[in-house]
Amino acid sequence: MTLSHSPSGHSPSRRPTPAELDEMTPEQLARLAAELDDVEIVHNQRKFPIPGTRAEKRAERSVALWFVISALSGLAFLAAFLFWPYEYVAPGQPGYEVYTLYTPVVGGTFGLAVLALGIGVIAYVKKFFPDEVSVQQRHDGVSDEVDRRTVVAQLQKAGQDTGIARRKLITRAAGGAAGVFGLGLGIAAVAPLVRDPWEGGDQAALWTTGWAPVDGETVYLRRDTGVPSEISLVRPEDQEPGSIETVFPFRESERGDEEALLHALRRSDNPVMLIRLRPGTPLVLREGFEDYPYGDFVAYSKLCTHLGCPTSLYETQSQRILCPCHQSQFLATEYARPVFGPAARALPPLPITVNDEGYFVATGDMPPVGPAFWERRS
């Protein structure tokens, strides 16, 4: 088939019909693509005009090496992600050094897998794509069927020119690297969903906190002194009006058990703000939670219902609890309802009282805590 050209010499004056396209060879389609796009190829030379030379084999092995490194790094990432100890270990405890290496190992192996895969692709382009200099005129508009067919032909011709089909070492190494990398991403995405969060029914982790009653044992309010084995219980007279203190659960059965004591301080849903309001401050109670406060004392979960940041600031004059991360504000005198910022749910309260010994104790568990409990309606 012969196509006439425009006076500029860059594009054909007549576009071929679908039937004519079907009769054209891939090489003819590729040349047509250049003509239709007003592309003038000034220079085009293959990197290895003679296939199978030693230089070509060395280049092929060097490219494949990067894909092999990517694949091995991906396997190392999978192994570390699945089997490396990730549970928190306190400083000075056995296994602490291994625990601290979890994030660097996972991040390092993942980063090396991505880096090596990228270097391999770039190396392949630099070593095997032909040296070409082309000049193209700019055109606007949507591509039609002819443009789509010819562009596909151009891509096929590029693959033929670089000899990708006969470079089994590179294709297998690249395929292995891409496969391992994709598998790693898939496992990393699905892994948090493997464990059933509802296992245990009403006692599932999403429904309960460390304040939940266990076998009727008293749950005291305890402050963190910085020494896990030191037990400092909280009395009403310990706090001045208009002050705030962070407290954690404690049971007598945990006394002397360093692991249990440390777990109570480190469990993410345990921190509670114990606030003593100024005397005479009006307190609005939510329906169903009338018996949660004790006198001028109220206790709320410390986890912001927006994204779980610690609501560590308390403004005495306005009785507002502030989250420093995204500036959500909660009114302590009105069941910690949100009054500013992105948080949309009130801070869950903890029911408290004072026992016969004069210590604060919890009389029950809190409602589900954390960042909106998967957008749960308040």
Protein backbone atom coordinates (compact mmCIF):
# COMPACT_ATOMS: atom_id res chain seq x y z
CA MET A 1 0.00 0.00 0.00
CA THR A 2 1.29 3.43 -0.92
CA LEU A 3 0.37 6.61 0.92
CA SER A 4 0.95 10.07 -0.50
CA HIS A 5 2.59 12.65 1.72
CA SER A 6 1.76 16.27 2.44
CA PRO A 7 4.06 19.01 1.12
CA SER A 8 5.80 19.18 4.50
CA GLY A 9 6.93 15.63 4.04
CA HIS A 10 5.98 14.64 7.57
CA SER A 11 2.44 13.17 7.52
CA PRO A 12 0.39 11.24 4.94
CA SER A 13 -2.38 13.11 3.18
CA ARG A 14 -4.70 10.08 3.39
CA ARG A 15 -5.24 7.95 6.45
CA PRO A 16 -5.51 4.21 5.83
CA THR A 17 -8.80 2.37 6.25
CA PRO A 18 -9.27 -0.43 8.84
CA ALA A 19 -8.96 -3.01 6.07
CA GLU A 20 -5.67 -1.50 4.93
CA LEU A 21 -4.42 -1.48 8.52
CA ASP A 22 -5.11 -5.21 8.78
CA GLU A 23 -2.96 -5.85 5.73
CA MET A 24 0.04 -3.90 7.01
CA THR A 25 2.98 -5.59 8.73
CA PRO A 26 4.11 -4.47 12.22
CA GLU A 27 7.09 -2.69 10.64
CA GLN A 28 4.82 -0.79 8.25
CA LEU A 29 2.49 0.15 11.13
CA ALA A 30 5.44 1.42 13.14
CA ARG A 31 6.64 3.59 10.26
CA LEU A 32 3.10 4.84 9.75
CA ALA A 33 2.89 5.81 13.42
CA ALA A 34 5.92 8.06 13.01
CA GLU A 35 4.46 9.64 9.90
CA LEU A 36 1.06 10.25 11.49
CA ASP A 37 2.67 11.87 14.51
CA ASP A 38 4.83 14.14 12.39
CA VAL A 39 7.94 12.42 13.71
CA GLU A 40 11.16 12.64 11.76
CA ILE A 41 13.73 10.07 12.85
CA VAL A 42 17.11 11.71 12.45
CA HIS A 43 19.23 8.90 13.88
CA ASN A 44 18.49 5.35 15.05
CA GLN A 45 21.15 2.79 15.87
CA ARG A 46 20.93 -0.40 17.91
CA LYS A 47 23.27 -0.78 20.87
CA PHE A 48 24.31 -4.25 19.71
CA PRO A 49 23.94 -4.55 15.91
CA ILE A 50 25.35 -8.09 16.07
CA PRO A 51 23.38 -10.21 18.56
CA GLY A 52 25.06 -12.64 20.93
CA THR A 53 28.38 -10.85 21.43
CA ARG A 54 30.25 -11.05 24.73
CA ALA A 55 29.56 -7.39 25.41
CA GLU A 56 25.85 -7.97 24.98
CA LYS A 57 25.94 -10.96 27.35
CA ARG A 58 27.79 -8.92 29.98
CA ALA A 59 25.21 -6.15 29.69
CA GLU A 60 22.40 -8.68 29.98
CA ARG A 61 23.89 -10.23 33.13
CA SER A 62 24.44 -6.83 34.73
CA VAL A 63 20.78 -5.90 34.17
CA ALA A 64 19.53 -9.26 35.39
CA LEU A 65 21.65 -8.90 38.53
CA TRP A 66 19.63 -5.87 39.65
CA PHE A 67 16.38 -7.78 39.21
CA VAL A 68 17.81 -10.70 41.20
CA ILE A 69 18.82 -8.30 43.99
CA SER A 70 15.29 -6.88 43.95
CA ALA A 71 13.76 -10.35 44.17
CA LEU A 72 16.04 -11.40 47.05
CA SER A 73 15.32 -8.15 48.88
CA GLY A 74 11.61 -8.72 48.38
CA LEU A 75 11.90 -12.20 49.86
CA ALA A 76 13.86 -10.78 52.80
CA PHE A 77 11.13 -8.18 53.30
CA LEU A 78 8.45 -10.88 53.33
CA ALA A 79 10.42 -12.98 55.82
CA ALA A 80 11.01 -10.01 58.14
CA PHE A 81 7.43 -8.77 57.87
CA LEU A 82 5.98 -12.20 58.69
CA PHE A 83 8.43 -13.68 61.17
CA TRP A 84 10.55 -10.93 62.79
CA PRO A 85 9.56 -10.29 66.45
CA TYR A 86 7.52 -7.08 66.46
CA GLU A 87 5.90 -7.17 69.91
CA TYR A 88 7.04 -4.35 72.18
CA VAL A 89 10.01 -5.15 74.44
CA ALA A 90 11.06 -2.67 77.12
CA PRO A 91 14.66 -1.37 77.17
CA GLY A 92 16.95 -3.66 79.10
CA GLN A 93 14.69 -6.68 78.62
CA PRO A 94 15.79 -9.78 76.66
CA GLY A 95 15.04 -9.37 72.98
CA TYR A 96 14.99 -5.56 73.05
CA GLU A 97 17.80 -5.24 70.48
CA VAL A 98 16.02 -7.59 68.07
CA TYR A 99 12.75 -5.67 68.56
CA THR A 100 14.40 -2.31 67.78
CA LEU A 101 15.69 -3.71 64.47
CA TYR A 102 12.21 -4.64 63.18
CA THR A 103 11.41 -1.31 61.55
CA PRO A 104 14.90 -0.76 60.03
CA VAL A 105 14.98 -4.30 58.62
CA VAL A 106 11.48 -4.14 57.14
CA GLY A 107 12.01 -0.62 55.76
CA GLY A 108 15.51 -1.37 54.47
CA THR A 109 14.63 -4.57 52.63
CA PHE A 110 11.50 -3.01 51.12
CA GLY A 111 13.42 0.08 50.03
CA LEU A 112 16.21 -2.01 48.50
CA ALA A 113 13.66 -4.09 46.57
CA VAL A 114 12.11 -0.95 45.07
CA LEU A 115 15.51 0.66 44.39
CA ALA A 116 16.98 -2.42 42.69
CA LEU A 117 13.85 -2.89 40.58
CA GLY A 118 14.03 0.71 39.41
CA ILE A 119 17.75 0.53 38.69
CA GLY A 120 17.19 -2.66 36.68
CA VAL A 121 14.56 -1.00 34.50
CA ILE A 122 16.75 2.07 33.94
CA ALA A 123 19.80 -0.09 33.19
CA TYR A 124 17.84 -2.10 30.64
CA VAL A 125 16.73 1.06 28.84
CA LYS A 126 20.23 2.52 28.81
CA LYS A 127 21.97 -0.66 27.68
CA PHE A 128 19.54 -2.06 25.11
CA PHE A 129 17.26 0.65 23.75
CA PRO A 130 18.53 2.01 20.42
CA ASP A 131 20.18 5.41 20.34
CA GLU A 132 17.58 7.52 18.57
CA VAL A 133 17.19 11.20 17.78
CA SER A 134 13.71 12.22 16.62
CA VAL A 135 11.90 15.48 15.96
CA GLN A 136 8.14 15.64 16.46
CA GLN A 137 5.61 18.38 15.78
CA ARG A 138 3.10 19.02 18.53
CA HIS A 139 -0.55 18.10 17.93
CA ASP A 140 -3.67 18.37 20.11
CA GLY A 141 -6.81 16.28 20.13
CA VAL A 142 -8.00 12.75 20.87
CA SER A 143 -6.33 9.73 19.29
CA ASP A 144 -8.41 7.74 16.80
CA GLU A 145 -8.30 4.04 15.90
CA VAL A 146 -5.43 4.50 13.46
CA ASP A 147 -3.31 6.27 16.08
CA ARG A 148 -4.01 3.57 18.67
CA ARG A 149 -3.17 0.72 16.31
CA THR A 150 0.03 2.31 15.12
CA VAL A 151 1.23 3.24 18.62
CA VAL A 152 0.80 -0.37 19.72
CA ALA A 153 2.84 -1.37 16.71
CA GLN A 154 5.54 1.09 17.73
CA LEU A 155 5.73 -0.47 21.18
CA GLN A 156 5.97 -3.94 19.67
CA LYS A 157 8.74 -2.79 17.36
CA ALA A 158 10.60 -1.26 20.32
CA GLY A 159 10.47 -4.65 22.02
CA GLN A 160 11.81 -6.31 18.89
CA ASP A 161 14.60 -3.77 18.52
CA THR A 162 15.76 -4.28 22.11
CA GLY A 163 15.52 -8.07 21.81
CA ILE A 164 13.53 -8.46 25.02
CA ALA A 165 11.88 -11.69 23.81
CA ARG A 166 15.19 -13.54 23.48
CA ARG A 167 16.71 -12.22 26.70
CA LYS A 168 15.39 -14.98 28.95
CA LEU A 169 17.76 -14.17 31.80
CA ILE A 170 16.45 -10.60 32.06
CA THR A 171 12.78 -11.48 31.57
CA ARG A 172 12.87 -14.23 34.21
CA ALA A 173 14.79 -12.08 36.70
CA ALA A 174 12.50 -9.10 36.10
CA GLY A 175 9.40 -11.29 36.34
CA GLY A 176 10.62 -12.81 39.59
CA ALA A 177 11.42 -9.41 41.07
CA ALA A 178 8.06 -7.96 40.04
CA GLY A 179 6.23 -11.03 41.31
CA VAL A 180 7.92 -11.03 44.71
CA PHE A 181 7.43 -7.28 45.01
CA GLY A 182 3.74 -7.59 44.18
CA LEU A 183 3.34 -10.48 46.61
CA GLY A 184 4.98 -8.42 49.35
CA LEU A 185 2.65 -5.48 48.74
CA GLY A 186 -0.34 -7.79 48.77
CA ILE A 187 0.62 -9.45 52.04
CA ALA A 188 1.40 -6.10 53.66
CA ALA A 189 -2.04 -4.83 52.63
CA VAL A 190 -3.97 -7.93 53.72
CA ALA A 191 -1.96 -8.81 56.85
CA PRO A 192 -3.84 -6.44 59.22
CA LEU A 193 -7.10 -8.16 58.25
CA VAL A 194 -5.95 -11.73 58.84
CA ARG A 195 -6.64 -11.61 62.57
CA ASP A 196 -10.35 -11.63 63.37
CA PRO A 197 -11.01 -8.46 65.43
CA TRP A 198 -14.35 -9.85 66.58
CA GLU A 199 -12.95 -13.06 68.02
CA GLY A 200 -14.27 -13.38 71.56
CA GLY A 201 -17.70 -11.86 70.98
CA ASP A 202 -18.54 -9.27 73.62
CA GLN A 203 -15.02 -9.62 75.01
CA ALA A 204 -13.32 -8.94 71.65
CA ALA A 205 -10.41 -6.50 71.60
CA LEU A 206 -12.43 -3.82 69.83
CA TRP A 207 -15.14 -3.88 72.50
CA THR A 208 -13.00 -3.96 75.65
CA THR A 209 -10.03 -2.15 77.19
CA GLY A 210 -7.66 -2.91 80.04
CA TRP A 211 -10.27 -1.45 82.42
CA ALA A 212 -12.73 -4.29 81.79
CA PRO A 213 -13.64 -6.26 84.96
CA VAL A 214 -11.99 -9.68 85.24
CA ASP A 215 -13.35 -12.20 87.77
CA GLY A 216 -14.72 -9.39 89.92
CA GLU A 217 -11.26 -8.10 90.85
CA THR A 218 -11.00 -4.42 91.83
CA VAL A 219 -9.44 -2.19 89.18
CA TYR A 220 -7.54 0.73 90.75
CA LEU A 221 -6.51 3.99 89.10
CA ARG A 222 -2.72 4.11 89.05
CA ARG A 223 -0.29 6.82 87.95
CA ASP A 224 2.87 6.12 85.95
CA THR A 225 5.95 7.10 87.97
CA GLY A 226 8.39 5.95 85.29
CA VAL A 227 9.17 2.74 87.18
CA PRO A 228 6.77 -0.04 86.09
CA SER A 229 7.20 -2.01 89.31
CA GLU A 230 6.35 0.99 91.52
CA ILE A 231 2.64 1.12 92.36
CA SER A 232 1.24 4.59 93.02
CA LEU A 233 -2.53 4.58 93.52
CA VAL A 234 -4.64 7.73 93.23
CA ARG A 235 -6.70 9.39 95.97
CA PRO A 236 -9.10 12.35 95.53
CA GLU A 237 -6.94 14.59 97.72
CA ASP A 238 -3.94 14.05 95.38
CA GLN A 239 -5.32 16.47 92.78
CA GLU A 240 -5.92 20.19 92.95
CA PRO A 241 -9.13 21.65 91.45
CA GLY A 242 -8.71 22.42 87.76
CA SER A 243 -5.97 19.83 87.23
CA ILE A 244 -5.55 16.74 85.07
CA GLU A 245 -3.64 13.48 85.57
CA THR A 246 -3.13 10.46 83.32
CA VAL A 247 -4.01 7.16 85.00
CA PHE A 248 -3.82 3.47 84.13
CA PRO A 249 -5.55 0.30 85.39
CA PHE A 250 -4.03 -1.80 88.17
CA ARG A 251 -5.11 -5.05 89.83
CA GLU A 252 -3.57 -6.56 92.94
CA SER A 253 -3.00 -9.81 91.04
CA GLU A 254 -0.52 -7.90 88.89
CA ARG A 255 1.66 -6.78 91.80
CA GLY A 256 5.15 -8.21 91.34
CA ASP A 257 4.42 -9.30 87.77
CA GLU A 258 6.65 -6.97 85.75
CA GLU A 259 5.28 -8.09 82.39
CA ALA A 260 1.65 -7.51 83.41
CA LEU A 261 2.47 -4.15 85.00
CA LEU A 262 4.34 -2.99 81.92
CA HIS A 263 1.56 -4.20 79.63
CA ALA A 264 -1.01 -2.18 81.57
CA LEU A 265 1.08 0.96 81.06
CA ARG A 266 1.77 0.29 77.37
CA ARG A 267 -1.59 -0.97 76.13
CA SER A 268 -2.78 1.68 73.67
CA ASP A 269 -6.40 1.92 74.86
CA ASN A 270 -5.62 2.12 78.60
CA PRO A 271 -4.60 5.79 79.17
CA VAL A 272 -7.36 7.79 80.87
CA MET A 273 -7.51 11.47 81.82
CA LEU A 274 -8.65 12.03 85.40
CA ILE A 275 -9.85 15.63 85.61
CA ARG A 276 -10.86 17.49 88.76
CA LEU A 277 -13.18 20.36 87.93
CA ARG A 278 -13.36 23.50 90.00
CA PRO A 279 -15.96 23.32 92.80
CA GLY A 280 -19.44 24.32 91.67
CA THR A 281 -18.73 23.81 87.97
CA PRO A 282 -21.98 22.74 86.22
CA LEU A 283 -21.68 19.26 84.76
CA VAL A 284 -23.89 18.04 81.91
CA LEU A 285 -24.19 14.25 81.95
CA ARG A 286 -25.09 12.11 79.00
CA GLU A 287 -28.13 9.84 79.21
CA GLY A 288 -27.07 6.43 80.47
CA PHE A 289 -23.80 7.74 81.96
CA GLU A 290 -25.16 9.62 84.98
CA ASP A 291 -23.16 7.54 87.51
CA TYR A 292 -19.82 7.79 85.71
CA PRO A 293 -18.35 10.88 87.46
CA TYR A 294 -17.40 11.05 91.14
CA GLY A 295 -18.07 14.42 92.70
CA ASP A 296 -15.97 16.99 90.85
CA PHE A 297 -13.95 14.24 89.13
CA VAL A 298 -14.52 13.03 85.58
CA ALA A 299 -12.49 10.46 83.65
CA TYR A 300 -12.27 10.21 79.87
CA SER A 301 -10.28 8.11 77.41
CA LYS A 302 -7.10 9.88 76.36
CA LEU A 303 -7.37 8.70 72.74
CA CYS A 304 -8.79 11.32 70.39
CA THR A 305 -11.77 10.03 68.44
CA HIS A 306 -10.38 11.57 65.26
CA LEU A 307 -7.13 9.68 64.65
CA GLY A 308 -6.17 8.32 68.06
CA CYS A 309 -3.69 11.01 69.14
CA PRO A 310 -3.27 11.64 72.89
CA THR A 311 -5.53 14.46 74.07
CA SER A 312 -2.94 15.64 76.55
CA LEU A 313 -3.90 19.29 77.02
CA TYR A 314 -6.50 20.72 79.38
CA GLU A 315 -7.55 24.37 79.47
CA THR A 316 -8.79 25.12 82.98
CA GLN A 317 -10.67 28.35 82.26
CA SER A 318 -12.81 26.96 79.44
CA GLN A 319 -12.80 23.31 80.66
CA ARG A 320 -11.74 22.19 77.19
CA ILE A 321 -9.66 19.12 76.43
CA LEU A 322 -7.38 19.75 73.45
CA CYS A 323 -5.78 17.34 71.01
CA PRO A 324 -2.40 18.75 69.86
CA CYS A 325 -2.33 16.81 66.58
CA HIS A 326 -5.27 18.26 64.66
CA GLN A 327 -6.69 20.75 67.17
CA SER A 328 -9.87 18.87 68.10
CA GLN A 329 -11.42 20.22 71.29
CA PHE A 330 -13.77 18.49 73.74
CA LEU A 331 -15.83 20.06 76.53
CA ALA A 332 -15.01 18.29 79.79
CA THR A 333 -18.15 19.62 81.52
CA GLU A 334 -20.45 18.20 78.81
CA TYR A 335 -19.52 14.50 78.56
CA ALA A 336 -16.39 15.45 76.54
CA ARG A 337 -18.41 16.21 73.42
CA PRO A 338 -16.42 17.66 70.48
CA VAL A 339 -16.83 21.42 70.05
CA PHE A 340 -14.06 22.17 67.55
CA GLY A 341 -11.89 20.40 65.02
CA PRO A 342 -12.28 17.21 62.96
CA ALA A 343 -13.29 14.86 65.80
CA ALA A 344 -16.96 13.91 65.52
CA ARG A 345 -17.50 11.69 68.57
CA ALA A 346 -17.29 12.39 72.30
CA LEU A 347 -14.40 10.95 74.31
CA PRO A 348 -15.56 7.71 75.98
CA PRO A 349 -15.95 8.09 79.78
CA LEU A 350 -14.68 5.76 82.49
CA PRO A 351 -17.01 5.09 85.44
CA ILE A 352 -15.15 5.80 88.69
CA THR A 353 -15.75 5.89 92.44
CA VAL A 354 -13.74 5.80 95.70
CA ASN A 355 -13.53 2.56 97.67
CA ASP A 356 -13.45 2.08 101.44
CA GLU A 357 -9.67 2.55 101.46
CA GLY A 358 -10.00 5.99 99.90
CA TYR A 359 -8.57 5.05 96.51
CA PHE A 360 -10.09 5.70 93.10
CA VAL A 361 -11.36 2.54 91.41
CA ALA A 362 -13.13 1.85 88.13
CA THR A 363 -16.65 0.43 88.36
CA GLY A 364 -16.72 -0.80 84.77
CA ASP A 365 -15.18 -0.55 81.34
CA MET A 366 -15.32 2.34 78.87
CA PRO A 367 -17.36 2.33 75.67
CA PRO A 368 -15.29 1.52 72.54
CA VAL A 369 -12.36 3.93 72.38
CA GLY A 370 -10.16 5.21 69.58
CA PRO A 371 -10.53 6.98 66.25
CA ALA A 372 -14.30 6.89 65.70
CA PHE A 373 -14.37 3.07 65.95
CA TRP A 374 -14.39 2.68 62.16
CA GLU A 375 -16.75 5.64 61.71
CA ARG A 376 -19.19 4.22 64.24
CA ARG A 377 -22.12 6.53 64.89
CA SER A 378 -21.96 8.18 68.30
